[in-house]
PDB file of N, CA and C in Angstrom:
ATOM      1  N   UNK A   1      53.627  30.976  26.369  1.00  0.00           N
ATOM      2  CA  UNK A   1      54.662  30.931  27.380  1.00  0.00           C
ATOM      3  C   UNK A   1      54.566  29.628  28.185  1.00  0.00           C
ATOM      4  N   UNK A   2      53.341  29.168  28.405  1.00  0.00           N
ATOM      5  CA  UNK A   2      53.144  27.926  29.162  1.00  0.00           C
ATOM      6  C   UNK A   2      53.737  26.733  28.421  1.00  0.00           C
ATOM      7  N   UNK A   3      53.522  26.678  27.118  1.00  0.00           N
ATOM      8  CA  UNK A   3      54.065  25.575  26.321  1.00  0.00           C
ATOM      9  C   UNK A   3      55.586  25.602  26.334  1.00  0.00           C
ATOM     10  N   UNK A   4      56.174  26.776  26.189  1.00  0.00           N
ATOM     11  CA  UNK A   4      57.632  26.887  26.205  1.00  0.00           C
ATOM     12  C   UNK A   4      58.198  26.477  27.562  1.00  0.00           C
ATOM     13  N   UNK A   5      57.551  26.903  28.627  1.00  0.00           N
ATOM     14  CA  UNK A   5      58.001  26.527  29.970  1.00  0.00           C
ATOM     15  C   UNK A   5      57.899  25.019  30.158  1.00  0.00           C
ATOM     16  N   UNK A   6      56.784  24.446  29.747  1.00  0.00           N
ATOM     17  CA  UNK A   6      56.602  22.998  29.860  1.00  0.00           C
ATOM     18  C   UNK A   6      57.626  22.221  29.057  1.00  0.00           C
ATOM     19  N   UNK A   7      57.945  22.694  27.859  1.00  0.00           N
ATOM     20  CA  UNK A   7      58.921  21.981  27.035  1.00  0.00           C
ATOM     21  C   UNK A   7      60.315  22.057  27.644  1.00  0.00           C
ATOM     22  N   UNK A   8      60.651  23.168  28.248  1.00  0.00           N
ATOM     23  CA  UNK A   8      61.955  23.296  28.903  1.00  0.00           C
ATOM     24  C   UNK A   8      62.047  22.400  30.140  1.00  0.00           C
ATOM     25  N   UNK A   9      60.988  22.350  30.920  1.00  0.00           N
ATOM     26  CA  UNK A   9      60.968  21.469  32.096  1.00  0.00           C
ATOM     27  C   UNK A   9      61.020  20.011  31.654  1.00  0.00           C
ATOM     28  N   UNK A  10      60.255  19.668  30.609  1.00  0.00           N
ATOM     29  CA  UNK A  10      60.276  18.316  30.074  1.00  0.00           C
ATOM     30  C   UNK A  10      61.662  17.918  29.577  1.00  0.00           C
ATOM     31  N   UNK A  11      62.332  18.820  28.897  1.00  0.00           N
ATOM     32  CA  UNK A  11      63.681  18.540  28.404  1.00  0.00           C
ATOM     33  C   UNK A  11      64.650  18.332  29.563  1.00  0.00           C
ATOM     34  N   UNK A  12      64.528  19.160  30.590  1.00  0.00           N
ATOM     35  CA  UNK A  12      65.402  19.017  31.761  1.00  0.00           C
ATOM     36  C   UNK A  12      65.173  17.670  32.442  1.00  0.00           C
ATOM     37  N   UNK A  13      63.922  17.276  32.584  1.00  0.00           N
ATOM     38  CA  UNK A  13      63.621  15.985  33.212  1.00  0.00           C
ATOM     39  C   UNK A  13      64.102  14.819  32.354  1.00  0.00           C
ATOM     40  N   UNK A  14      64.002  14.944  31.037  1.00  0.00           N
ATOM     41  CA  UNK A  14      64.472  13.888  30.143  1.00  0.00           C
ATOM     42  C   UNK A  14      65.989  13.737  30.204  1.00  0.00           C
ATOM     43  N   UNK A  15      66.694  14.839  30.397  1.00  0.00           N
ATOM     44  CA  UNK A  15      68.152  14.794  30.450  1.00  0.00           C
ATOM     45  C   UNK A  15      68.701  14.439  31.827  1.00  0.00           C
ATOM     46  N   UNK A  16      67.884  14.546  32.859  1.00  0.00           N
ATOM     47  CA  UNK A  16      68.341  14.285  34.218  1.00  0.00           C
ATOM     48  C   UNK A  16      68.927  12.880  34.396  1.00  0.00           C
ATOM     49  N   UNK A  17      68.287  11.806  33.922  1.00  0.00           N
ATOM     50  CA  UNK A  17      68.895  10.483  34.090  1.00  0.00           C
ATOM     51  C   UNK A  17      70.271  10.366  33.428  1.00  0.00           C
ATOM     52  N   UNK A  18      70.411  10.942  32.240  1.00  0.00           N
ATOM     53  CA  UNK A  18      71.721  10.920  31.566  1.00  0.00           C
ATOM     54  C   UNK A  18      72.757  11.712  32.347  1.00  0.00           C
ATOM     55  N   UNK A  19      72.353  12.861  32.877  1.00  0.00           N
ATOM     56  CA  UNK A  19      73.281  13.678  33.652  1.00  0.00           C
ATOM     57  C   UNK A  19      73.767  12.931  34.889  1.00  0.00           C
ATOM     58  N   UNK A  20      72.873  12.206  35.538  1.00  0.00           N
ATOM     59  CA  UNK A  20      73.261  11.443  36.724  1.00  0.00           C
ATOM     60  C   UNK A  20      74.138  10.245  36.350  1.00  0.00           C
ATOM     61  N   UNK A  21      73.836   9.598  35.226  1.00  0.00           N
ATOM     62  CA  UNK A  21      74.582   8.422  34.796  1.00  0.00           C
ATOM     63  C   UNK A  21      75.976   8.785  34.280  1.00  0.00           C
ATOM     64  N   UNK A  22      76.083   9.947  33.618  1.00  0.00           N
ATOM     65  CA  UNK A  22      77.348  10.355  32.999  1.00  0.00           C
ATOM     66  C   UNK A  22      78.079  11.433  33.803  1.00  0.00           C
ATOM     67  N   UNK A  23      77.974  11.362  35.114  1.00  0.00           N
ATOM     68  CA  UNK A  23      78.654  12.358  35.955  1.00  0.00           C
ATOM     69  C   UNK A  23      80.162  12.311  35.723  1.00  0.00           C
ATOM     70  N   UNK A  24      80.811  13.462  35.736  1.00  0.00           N
ATOM     71  CA  UNK A  24      82.271  13.466  35.595  1.00  0.00           C
ATOM     72  C   UNK A  24      82.931  12.907  36.857  1.00  0.00           C
ATOM     73  N   UNK A  25      84.157  12.425  36.715  1.00  0.00           N
ATOM     74  CA  UNK A  25      84.888  11.876  37.860  1.00  0.00           C
ATOM     75  C   UNK A  25      85.109  12.952  38.921  1.00  0.00           C
ATOM     76  N   UNK A  26      85.336  14.165  38.454  1.00  0.00           N
ATOM     77  CA  UNK A  26      85.535  15.294  39.373  1.00  0.00           C
ATOM     78  C   UNK A  26      84.493  16.358  39.045  1.00  0.00           C
ATOM     79  N   UNK A  27      83.769  16.803  40.033  1.00  0.00           N
ATOM     80  CA  UNK A  27      82.713  17.789  39.801  1.00  0.00           C
ATOM     81  C   UNK A  27      83.310  19.133  39.390  1.00  0.00           C
ATOM     82  N   UNK A  28      82.634  19.855  38.520  1.00  0.00           N
ATOM     83  CA  UNK A  28      83.114  21.182  38.111  1.00  0.00           C
ATOM     84  C   UNK A  28      83.177  22.129  39.304  1.00  0.00           C
ATOM     85  N   UNK A  29      84.003  23.136  39.167  1.00  0.00           N
ATOM     86  CA  UNK A  29      84.193  24.113  40.242  1.00  0.00           C
ATOM     87  C   UNK A  29      82.940  24.971  40.402  1.00  0.00           C
ATOM     88  N   UNK A  30      82.810  25.631  41.557  1.00  0.00           N
ATOM     89  CA  UNK A  30      81.682  26.553  41.733  1.00  0.00           C
ATOM     90  C   UNK A  30      81.653  27.654  40.670  1.00  0.00           C
ATOM     91  N   UNK A  31      82.825  28.087  40.227  1.00  0.00           N
ATOM     92  CA  UNK A  31      82.872  29.114  39.175  1.00  0.00           C
ATOM     93  C   UNK A  31      82.285  28.571  37.870  1.00  0.00           C
ATOM     94  N   UNK A  32      82.573  27.318  37.559  1.00  0.00           N
ATOM     95  CA  UNK A  32      82.021  26.710  36.340  1.00  0.00           C
ATOM     96  C   UNK A  32      80.504  26.567  36.454  1.00  0.00           C
ATOM     97  N   UNK A  33      80.024  26.138  37.630  1.00  0.00           N
ATOM     98  CA  UNK A  33      78.575  26.035  37.848  1.00  0.00           C
ATOM     99  C   UNK A  33      77.919  27.402  37.720  1.00  0.00           C
ATOM    100  N   UNK A  34      78.546  28.411  38.314  1.00  0.00           N
ATOM    101  CA  UNK A  34      77.999  29.776  38.239  1.00  0.00           C
ATOM    102  C   UNK A  34      77.925  30.247  36.791  1.00  0.00           C
ATOM    103  N   UNK A  35      78.965  29.946  36.030  1.00  0.00           N
ATOM    104  CA  UNK A  35      78.982  30.337  34.618  1.00  0.00           C
ATOM    105  C   UNK A  35      77.865  29.640  33.849  1.00  0.00           C
ATOM    106  N   UNK A  36      77.665  28.348  34.110  1.00  0.00           N
ATOM    107  CA  UNK A  36      76.613  27.603  33.426  1.00  0.00           C
ATOM    108  C   UNK A  36      75.230  28.146  33.787  1.00  0.00           C
ATOM    109  N   UNK A  37      75.024  28.450  35.055  1.00  0.00           N
ATOM    110  CA  UNK A  37      73.742  29.018  35.486  1.00  0.00           C
ATOM    111  C   UNK A  37      73.540  30.399  34.861  1.00  0.00           C
ATOM    112  N   UNK A  38      74.595  31.218  34.851  1.00  0.00           N
ATOM    113  CA  UNK A  38      74.487  32.552  34.251  1.00  0.00           C
ATOM    114  C   UNK A  38      74.136  32.453  32.767  1.00  0.00           C
ATOM    115  N   UNK A  39      74.783  31.527  32.050  1.00  0.00           N
ATOM    116  CA  UNK A  39      74.453  31.344  30.636  1.00  0.00           C
ATOM    117  C   UNK A  39      73.013  30.892  30.459  1.00  0.00           C
ATOM    118  N   UNK A  40      72.575  29.983  31.303  1.00  0.00           N
ATOM    119  CA  UNK A  40      71.203  29.490  31.205  1.00  0.00           C
ATOM    120  C   UNK A  40      70.182  30.569  31.486  1.00  0.00           C
ATOM    121  N   UNK A  41      70.438  31.365  32.506  1.00  0.00           N
ATOM    122  CA  UNK A  41      69.470  32.401  32.897  1.00  0.00           C
ATOM    123  C   UNK A  41      69.577  33.616  31.985  1.00  0.00           C
ATOM    124  N   UNK A  42      70.796  34.119  31.804  1.00  0.00           N
ATOM    125  CA  UNK A  42      70.962  35.364  31.052  1.00  0.00           C
ATOM    126  C   UNK A  42      70.831  35.169  29.551  1.00  0.00           C
ATOM    127  N   UNK A  43      71.219  34.030  29.052  1.00  0.00           N
ATOM    128  CA  UNK A  43      71.120  33.818  27.612  1.00  0.00           C
ATOM    129  C   UNK A  43      69.808  33.137  27.242  1.00  0.00           C
ATOM    130  N   UNK A  44      69.632  31.911  27.686  1.00  0.00           N
ATOM    131  CA  UNK A  44      68.483  31.121  27.247  1.00  0.00           C
ATOM    132  C   UNK A  44      67.170  31.656  27.791  1.00  0.00           C
ATOM    133  N   UNK A  45      67.059  31.812  29.094  1.00  0.00           N
ATOM    134  CA  UNK A  45      65.786  32.241  29.693  1.00  0.00           C
ATOM    135  C   UNK A  45      65.415  33.648  29.223  1.00  0.00           C
ATOM    136  N   UNK A  46      66.352  34.558  29.250  1.00  0.00           N
ATOM    137  CA  UNK A  46      66.072  35.926  28.810  1.00  0.00           C
ATOM    138  C   UNK A  46      65.711  35.950  27.327  1.00  0.00           C
ATOM    139  N   UNK A  47      66.407  35.141  26.541  1.00  0.00           N
ATOM    140  CA  UNK A  47      66.111  35.087  25.105  1.00  0.00           C
ATOM    141  C   UNK A  47      64.693  34.566  24.857  1.00  0.00           C
ATOM    142  N   UNK A  48      64.257  33.566  25.616  1.00  0.00           N
ATOM    143  CA  UNK A  48      62.889  33.062  25.471  1.00  0.00           C
ATOM    144  C   UNK A  48      61.875  34.145  25.796  1.00  0.00           C
ATOM    145  N   UNK A  49      62.088  34.880  26.864  1.00  0.00           N
ATOM    146  CA  UNK A  49      61.148  35.938  27.258  1.00  0.00           C
ATOM    147  C   UNK A  49      61.083  37.003  26.167  1.00  0.00           C
ATOM    148  N   UNK A  50      62.242  37.443  25.692  1.00  0.00           N
ATOM    149  CA  UNK A  50      62.280  38.472  24.651  1.00  0.00           C
ATOM    150  C   UNK A  50      61.646  37.943  23.362  1.00  0.00           C
ATOM    151  N   UNK A  51      61.937  36.688  23.008  1.00  0.00           N
ATOM    152  CA  UNK A  51      61.409  36.111  21.775  1.00  0.00           C
ATOM    153  C   UNK A  51      59.889  36.016  21.802  1.00  0.00           C
ATOM    154  N   UNK A  52      59.313  35.556  22.900  1.00  0.00           N
ATOM    155  CA  UNK A  52      57.856  35.445  22.967  1.00  0.00           C
ATOM    156  C   UNK A  52      57.197  36.820  23.041  1.00  0.00           C
ATOM    157  N   UNK A  53      57.874  37.775  23.618  1.00  0.00           N
ATOM    158  CA  UNK A  53      57.383  39.158  23.595  1.00  0.00           C
ATOM    159  C   UNK A  53      57.381  39.668  22.149  1.00  0.00           C
ATOM    160  N   UNK A  54      58.441  39.342  21.425  1.00  0.00           N
ATOM    161  CA  UNK A  54      58.545  39.739  20.020  1.00  0.00           C
ATOM    162  C   UNK A  54      57.446  39.088  19.183  1.00  0.00           C
ATOM    163  N   UNK A  55      57.175  37.808  19.412  1.00  0.00           N
ATOM    164  CA  UNK A  55      56.097  37.124  18.685  1.00  0.00           C
ATOM    165  C   UNK A  55      54.764  37.812  18.951  1.00  0.00           C
ATOM    166  N   UNK A  56      54.500  38.136  20.211  1.00  0.00           N
ATOM    167  CA  UNK A  56      53.225  38.766  20.562  1.00  0.00           C
ATOM    168  C   UNK A  56      53.086  40.143  19.909  1.00  0.00           C
ATOM    169  N   UNK A  57      54.174  40.897  19.835  1.00  0.00           N
ATOM    170  CA  UNK A  57      54.085  42.272  19.339  1.00  0.00           C
ATOM    171  C   UNK A  57      54.275  42.419  17.829  1.00  0.00           C
ATOM    172  N   UNK A  58      55.031  41.520  17.193  1.00  0.00           N
ATOM    173  CA  UNK A  58      55.296  41.688  15.760  1.00  0.00           C
ATOM    174  C   UNK A  58      54.762  40.557  14.898  1.00  0.00           C
ATOM    175  N   UNK A  59      54.388  39.455  15.518  1.00  0.00           N
ATOM    176  CA  UNK A  59      53.913  38.301  14.760  1.00  0.00           C
ATOM    177  C   UNK A  59      55.022  37.285  14.560  1.00  0.00           C
ATOM    178  N   UNK A  60      54.615  36.060  14.282  1.00  0.00           N
ATOM    179  CA  UNK A  60      55.564  34.953  14.179  1.00  0.00           C
ATOM    180  C   UNK A  60      56.524  35.105  13.006  1.00  0.00           C
ATOM    181  N   UNK A  61      56.032  35.571  11.860  1.00  0.00           N
ATOM    182  CA  UNK A  61      56.889  35.684  10.679  1.00  0.00           C
ATOM    183  C   UNK A  61      58.033  36.649  10.908  1.00  0.00           C
ATOM    184  N   UNK A  62      57.742  37.795  11.443  1.00  0.00           N
ATOM    185  CA  UNK A  62      58.811  38.758  11.713  1.00  0.00           C
ATOM    186  C   UNK A  62      59.717  38.296  12.849  1.00  0.00           C
ATOM    187  N   UNK A  63      59.147  37.645  13.832  1.00  0.00           N
ATOM    188  CA  UNK A  63      59.965  37.177  14.950  1.00  0.00           C
ATOM    189  C   UNK A  63      60.956  36.107  14.497  1.00  0.00           C
ATOM    190  N   UNK A  64      60.519  35.183  13.652  1.00  0.00           N
ATOM    191  CA  UNK A  64      61.415  34.114  13.204  1.00  0.00           C
ATOM    192  C   UNK A  64      62.465  34.637  12.236  1.00  0.00           C
ATOM    193  N   UNK A  65      62.212  35.776  11.614  1.00  0.00           N
ATOM    194  CA  UNK A  65      63.158  36.301  10.626  1.00  0.00           C
ATOM    195  C   UNK A  65      64.508  36.653  11.244  1.00  0.00           C
ATOM    196  N   UNK A  66      64.569  36.853  12.546  1.00  0.00           N
ATOM    197  CA  UNK A  66      65.869  37.151  13.161  1.00  0.00           C
ATOM    198  C   UNK A  66      66.816  35.963  13.018  1.00  0.00           C
ATOM    199  N   UNK A  67      66.280  34.742  12.923  1.00  0.00           N
ATOM    200  CA  UNK A  67      67.154  33.580  12.767  1.00  0.00           C
ATOM    201  C   UNK A  67      67.818  33.558  11.397  1.00  0.00           C
ATOM    202  N   UNK A  68      67.229  34.229  10.414  1.00  0.00           N
ATOM    203  CA  UNK A  68      67.848  34.293   9.096  1.00  0.00           C
ATOM    204  C   UNK A  68      69.162  35.080   9.148  1.00  0.00           C
ATOM    205  N   UNK A  69      69.299  35.939  10.138  1.00  0.00           N
ATOM    206  CA  UNK A  69      70.473  36.805  10.227  1.00  0.00           C
ATOM    207  C   UNK A  69      71.648  36.169  10.959  1.00  0.00           C
ATOM    208  N   UNK A  70      71.476  34.966  11.499  1.00  0.00           N
ATOM    209  CA  UNK A  70      72.556  34.301  12.227  1.00  0.00           C
ATOM    210  C   UNK A  70      73.807  34.136  11.359  1.00  0.00           C
ATOM    211  N   UNK A  71      73.707  33.664  10.112  1.00  0.00           N
ATOM    212  CA  UNK A  71      74.930  33.538   9.302  1.00  0.00           C
ATOM    213  C   UNK A  71      75.617  34.874   9.061  1.00  0.00           C
ATOM    214  N   UNK A  72      74.844  35.927   8.895  1.00  0.00           N
ATOM    215  CA  UNK A  72      75.424  37.248   8.663  1.00  0.00           C
ATOM    216  C   UNK A  72      76.233  37.678   9.880  1.00  0.00           C
ATOM    217  N   UNK A  73      75.645  37.541  11.062  1.00  0.00           N
ATOM    218  CA  UNK A  73      76.363  37.946  12.268  1.00  0.00           C
ATOM    219  C   UNK A  73      77.518  36.997  12.577  1.00  0.00           C
ATOM    220  N   UNK A  74      77.377  35.703  12.270  1.00  0.00           N
ATOM    221  CA  UNK A  74      78.491  34.772  12.446  1.00  0.00           C
ATOM    222  C   UNK A  74      79.684  35.181  11.604  1.00  0.00           C
ATOM    223  N   UNK A  75      79.411  35.591  10.375  1.00  0.00           N
ATOM    224  CA  UNK A  75      80.474  36.054   9.499  1.00  0.00           C
ATOM    225  C   UNK A  75      81.098  37.344  10.043  1.00  0.00           C
ATOM    226  N   UNK A  76      80.252  38.255  10.522  1.00  0.00           N
ATOM    227  CA  UNK A  76      80.744  39.520  11.064  1.00  0.00           C
ATOM    228  C   UNK A  76      81.616  39.294  12.298  1.00  0.00           C
ATOM    229  N   UNK A  77      81.157  38.442  13.222  1.00  0.00           N
ATOM    230  CA  UNK A  77      81.940  38.189  14.444  1.00  0.00           C
ATOM    231  C   UNK A  77      83.252  37.484  14.083  1.00  0.00           C
ATOM    232  N   UNK A  78      83.218  36.572  13.113  1.00  0.00           N
ATOM    233  CA  UNK A  78      84.442  35.909  12.678  1.00  0.00           C
ATOM    234  C   UNK A  78      85.450  36.900  12.130  1.00  0.00           C
ATOM    235  N   UNK A  79      84.974  37.882  11.378  1.00  0.00           N
ATOM    236  CA  UNK A  79      85.860  38.901  10.836  1.00  0.00           C
ATOM    237  C   UNK A  79      86.421  39.790  11.946  1.00  0.00           C
ATOM    238  N   UNK A  80      85.544  40.218  12.859  1.00  0.00           N
ATOM    239  CA  UNK A  80      85.974  41.155  13.901  1.00  0.00           C
ATOM    240  C   UNK A  80      86.865  40.524  14.964  1.00  0.00           C
ATOM    241  N   UNK A  81      86.526  39.311  15.399  1.00  0.00           N
ATOM    242  CA  UNK A  81      87.221  38.727  16.543  1.00  0.00           C
ATOM    243  C   UNK A  81      88.238  37.651  16.177  1.00  0.00           C
ATOM    244  N   UNK A  82      88.100  37.035  15.013  1.00  0.00           N
ATOM    245  CA  UNK A  82      88.997  35.942  14.645  1.00  0.00           C
ATOM    246  C   UNK A  82      89.827  36.260  13.404  1.00  0.00           C
ATOM    247  N   UNK A  83      89.722  37.490  12.925  1.00  0.00           N
ATOM    248  CA  UNK A  83      90.461  37.934  11.743  1.00  0.00           C
ATOM    249  C   UNK A  83      90.199  37.047  10.527  1.00  0.00           C
ATOM    250  N   UNK A  84      88.963  36.535  10.405  1.00  0.00           N
ATOM    251  CA  UNK A  84      88.608  35.740   9.240  1.00  0.00           C
ATOM    252  C   UNK A  84      88.341  36.655   8.058  1.00  0.00           C
ATOM    253  N   UNK A  85      88.624  36.149   6.884  1.00  0.00           N
ATOM    254  CA  UNK A  85      88.451  36.924   5.660  1.00  0.00           C
ATOM    255  C   UNK A  85      87.033  36.748   5.124  1.00  0.00           C
ATOM    256  N   UNK A  86      86.436  37.846   4.684  1.00  0.00           N
ATOM    257  CA  UNK A  86      85.123  37.793   4.043  1.00  0.00           C
ATOM    258  C   UNK A  86      85.350  37.719   2.542  1.00  0.00           C
ATOM    259  N   UNK A  87      84.821  36.656   1.937  1.00  0.00           N
ATOM    260  CA  UNK A  87      85.004  36.439   0.501  1.00  0.00           C
ATOM    261  C   UNK A  87      83.838  37.050  -0.282  1.00  0.00           C
ATOM    262  N   UNK A  88      83.988  37.087  -1.580  1.00  0.00           N
ATOM    263  CA  UNK A  88      82.935  37.598  -2.453  1.00  0.00           C
ATOM    264  C   UNK A  88      81.678  36.726  -2.322  1.00  0.00           C
ATOM    265  N   UNK A  89      81.863  35.417  -2.245  1.00  0.00           N
ATOM    266  CA  UNK A  89      80.713  34.518  -2.091  1.00  0.00           C
ATOM    267  C   UNK A  89      79.985  34.779  -0.771  1.00  0.00           C
ATOM    268  N   UNK A  90      80.723  35.048   0.287  1.00  0.00           N
ATOM    269  CA  UNK A  90      80.097  35.339   1.582  1.00  0.00           C
ATOM    270  C   UNK A  90      79.307  36.649   1.507  1.00  0.00           C
ATOM    271  N   UNK A  91      79.874  37.654   0.852  1.00  0.00           N
ATOM    272  CA  UNK A  91      79.173  38.932   0.699  1.00  0.00           C
ATOM    273  C   UNK A  91      77.916  38.755  -0.147  1.00  0.00           C
ATOM    274  N   UNK A  92      78.016  37.950  -1.209  1.00  0.00           N
ATOM    275  CA  UNK A  92      76.841  37.686  -2.053  1.00  0.00           C
ATOM    276  C   UNK A  92      75.774  36.944  -1.254  1.00  0.00           C
ATOM    277  N   UNK A  93      76.183  35.983  -0.459  1.00  0.00           N
ATOM    278  CA  UNK A  93      75.238  35.267   0.392  1.00  0.00           C
ATOM    279  C   UNK A  93      74.553  36.189   1.382  1.00  0.00           C
ATOM    280  N   UNK A  94      75.315  37.143   1.911  1.00  0.00           N
ATOM    281  CA  UNK A  94      74.744  38.114   2.842  1.00  0.00           C
ATOM    282  C   UNK A  94      73.670  38.959   2.164  1.00  0.00           C
ATOM    283  N   UNK A  95      73.943  39.386   0.932  1.00  0.00           N
ATOM    284  CA  UNK A  95      72.952  40.169   0.188  1.00  0.00           C
ATOM    285  C   UNK A  95      71.689  39.338  -0.041  1.00  0.00           C
ATOM    286  N   UNK A  96      71.863  38.075  -0.408  1.00  0.00           N
ATOM    287  CA  UNK A  96      70.705  37.203  -0.631  1.00  0.00           C
ATOM    288  C   UNK A  96      69.903  37.044   0.660  1.00  0.00           C
ATOM    289  N   UNK A  97      70.588  36.828   1.769  1.00  0.00           N
ATOM    290  CA  UNK A  97      69.912  36.679   3.064  1.00  0.00           C
ATOM    291  C   UNK A  97      69.151  37.948   3.423  1.00  0.00           C
ATOM    292  N   UNK A  98      69.790  39.102   3.261  1.00  0.00           N
ATOM    293  CA  UNK A  98      69.135  40.366   3.624  1.00  0.00           C
ATOM    294  C   UNK A  98      67.941  40.655   2.727  1.00  0.00           C
ATOM    295  N   UNK A  99      68.060  40.405   1.425  1.00  0.00           N
ATOM    296  CA  UNK A  99      66.937  40.620   0.513  1.00  0.00           C
ATOM    297  C   UNK A  99      65.807  39.644   0.839  1.00  0.00           C
ATOM    298  N   UNK A 100      66.149  38.380   1.075  1.00  0.00           N
ATOM    299  CA  UNK A 100      65.131  37.392   1.429  1.00  0.00           C
ATOM    300  C   UNK A 100      64.424  37.734   2.731  1.00  0.00           C
ATOM    301  N   UNK A 101      65.169  38.201   3.709  1.00  0.00           N
ATOM    302  CA  UNK A 101      64.575  38.604   4.979  1.00  0.00           C
ATOM    303  C   UNK A 101      63.667  39.813   4.788  1.00  0.00           C
ATOM    304  N   UNK A 102      64.108  40.780   3.983  1.00  0.00           N
ATOM    305  CA  UNK A 102      63.284  41.962   3.710  1.00  0.00           C
ATOM    306  C   UNK A 102      61.997  41.572   2.989  1.00  0.00           C
ATOM    307  N   UNK A 103      62.086  40.604   2.084  1.00  0.00           N
ATOM    308  CA  UNK A 103      60.886  40.149   1.381  1.00  0.00           C
ATOM    309  C   UNK A 103      59.949  39.395   2.320  1.00  0.00           C
ATOM    310  N   UNK A 104      60.515  38.558   3.190  1.00  0.00           N
ATOM    311  CA  UNK A 104      59.705  37.779   4.127  1.00  0.00           C
ATOM    312  C   UNK A 104      58.943  38.666   5.094  1.00  0.00           C
ATOM    313  N   UNK A 105      59.588  39.719   5.541  1.00  0.00           N
ATOM    314  CA  UNK A 105      58.960  40.603   6.518  1.00  0.00           C
ATOM    315  C   UNK A 105      58.102  41.685   5.879  1.00  0.00           C
ATOM    316  N   UNK A 106      58.087  41.760   4.553  1.00  0.00           N
ATOM    317  CA  UNK A 106      57.263  42.752   3.877  1.00  0.00           C
ATOM    318  C   UNK A 106      57.939  44.100   3.695  1.00  0.00           C
ATOM    319  N   UNK A 107      59.210  44.203   4.043  1.00  0.00           N
ATOM    320  CA  UNK A 107      59.923  45.466   3.839  1.00  0.00           C
ATOM    321  C   UNK A 107      60.252  45.700   2.364  1.00  0.00           C
ATOM    322  N   UNK A 108      60.306  44.626   1.595  1.00  0.00           N
ATOM    323  CA  UNK A 108      60.625  44.705   0.173  1.00  0.00           C
ATOM    324  C   UNK A 108      59.623  43.843  -0.585  1.00  0.00           C
ATOM    325  N   UNK A 109      59.076  44.385  -1.649  1.00  0.00           N
ATOM    326  CA  UNK A 109      58.118  43.648  -2.451  1.00  0.00           C
ATOM    327  C   UNK A 109      58.539  43.716  -3.910  1.00  0.00           C
ATOM    328  N   UNK A 110      58.417  42.619  -4.607  1.00  0.00           N
ATOM    329  CA  UNK A 110      58.768  42.582  -6.026  1.00  0.00           C
ATOM    330  C   UNK A 110      57.561  42.794  -6.920  1.00  0.00           C
ATOM    331  N   UNK A 111      56.405  43.059  -6.352  1.00  0.00           N
ATOM    332  CA  UNK A 111      55.207  43.326  -7.137  1.00  0.00           C
ATOM    333  C   UNK A 111      55.344  44.665  -7.831  1.00  0.00           C
ATOM    334  N   UNK A 112      55.148  44.646  -9.144  1.00  0.00           N
ATOM    335  CA  UNK A 112      55.219  45.890  -9.917  1.00  0.00           C
ATOM    336  C   UNK A 112      53.847  46.545  -9.901  1.00  0.00           C
ATOM    337  N   UNK A 113      53.813  47.848  -9.940  1.00  0.00           N
ATOM    338  CA  UNK A 113      52.503  48.531  -9.993  1.00  0.00           C
ATOM    339  C   UNK A 113      51.732  48.103 -11.240  1.00  0.00           C
ATOM    340  N   UNK A 114      50.487  47.750 -11.076  1.00  0.00           N
ATOM    341  CA  UNK A 114      49.637  47.353 -12.197  1.00  0.00           C
ATOM    342  C   UNK A 114      49.728  45.884 -12.545  1.00  0.00           C
ATOM    343  N   UNK A 115      50.711  45.153 -11.960  1.00  0.00           N
ATOM    344  CA  UNK A 115      50.839  43.726 -12.268  1.00  0.00           C
ATOM    345  C   UNK A 115      49.838  42.947 -11.436  1.00  0.00           C
ATOM    346  N   UNK A 116      49.224  41.960 -12.063  1.00  0.00           N
ATOM    347  CA  UNK A 116      48.260  41.135 -11.359  1.00  0.00           C
ATOM    348  C   UNK A 116      48.906  39.788 -11.067  1.00  0.00           C
ATOM    349  N   UNK A 117      49.053  39.429  -9.793  1.00  0.00           N
ATOM    350  CA  UNK A 117      49.744  38.196  -9.398  1.00  0.00           C
ATOM    351  C   UNK A 117      48.982  36.961  -9.836  1.00  0.00           C
ATOM    352  N   UNK A 118      47.678  37.069 -10.049  1.00  0.00           N
ATOM    353  CA  UNK A 118      46.899  35.883 -10.403  1.00  0.00           C
ATOM    354  C   UNK A 118      46.875  35.622 -11.898  1.00  0.00           C
ATOM    355  N   UNK A 119      47.344  36.562 -12.706  1.00  0.00           N
ATOM    356  CA  UNK A 119      47.341  36.327 -14.148  1.00  0.00           C
ATOM    357  C   UNK A 119      48.596  35.550 -14.538  1.00  0.00           C
ATOM    358  N   UNK A 120      48.503  34.861 -15.648  1.00  0.00           N
ATOM    359  CA  UNK A 120      49.734  34.217 -15.990  1.00  0.00           C
ATOM    360  C   UNK A 120      49.665  33.155 -16.914  1.00  0.00           C
TER     361      UNK A 120
END
């Protein structure tokens, strides 16, 4: 958690000179600032806390596997909210992603009973 906090503070400090140099001609409204702060706190900060909790409780491999599902959910949200069409290739890709994720996390194994992985 200390490393993540330090990297976020470091990134903010690195971006501060650019933010000051590239200020907009007109400052955003208080509502826009509130929205940006809410996104930063509720999305990014909360996600970091949950993610590091997940790493501690399930391990790094299982925790990182949630990122494999981003394309699947992107496709789902596109279908639900933007009326995008799901193609056969997209469905096949989803199956590959889900099988790969299941294999990575140990939920699915291709080892056959009696097969020796070291022989060959």
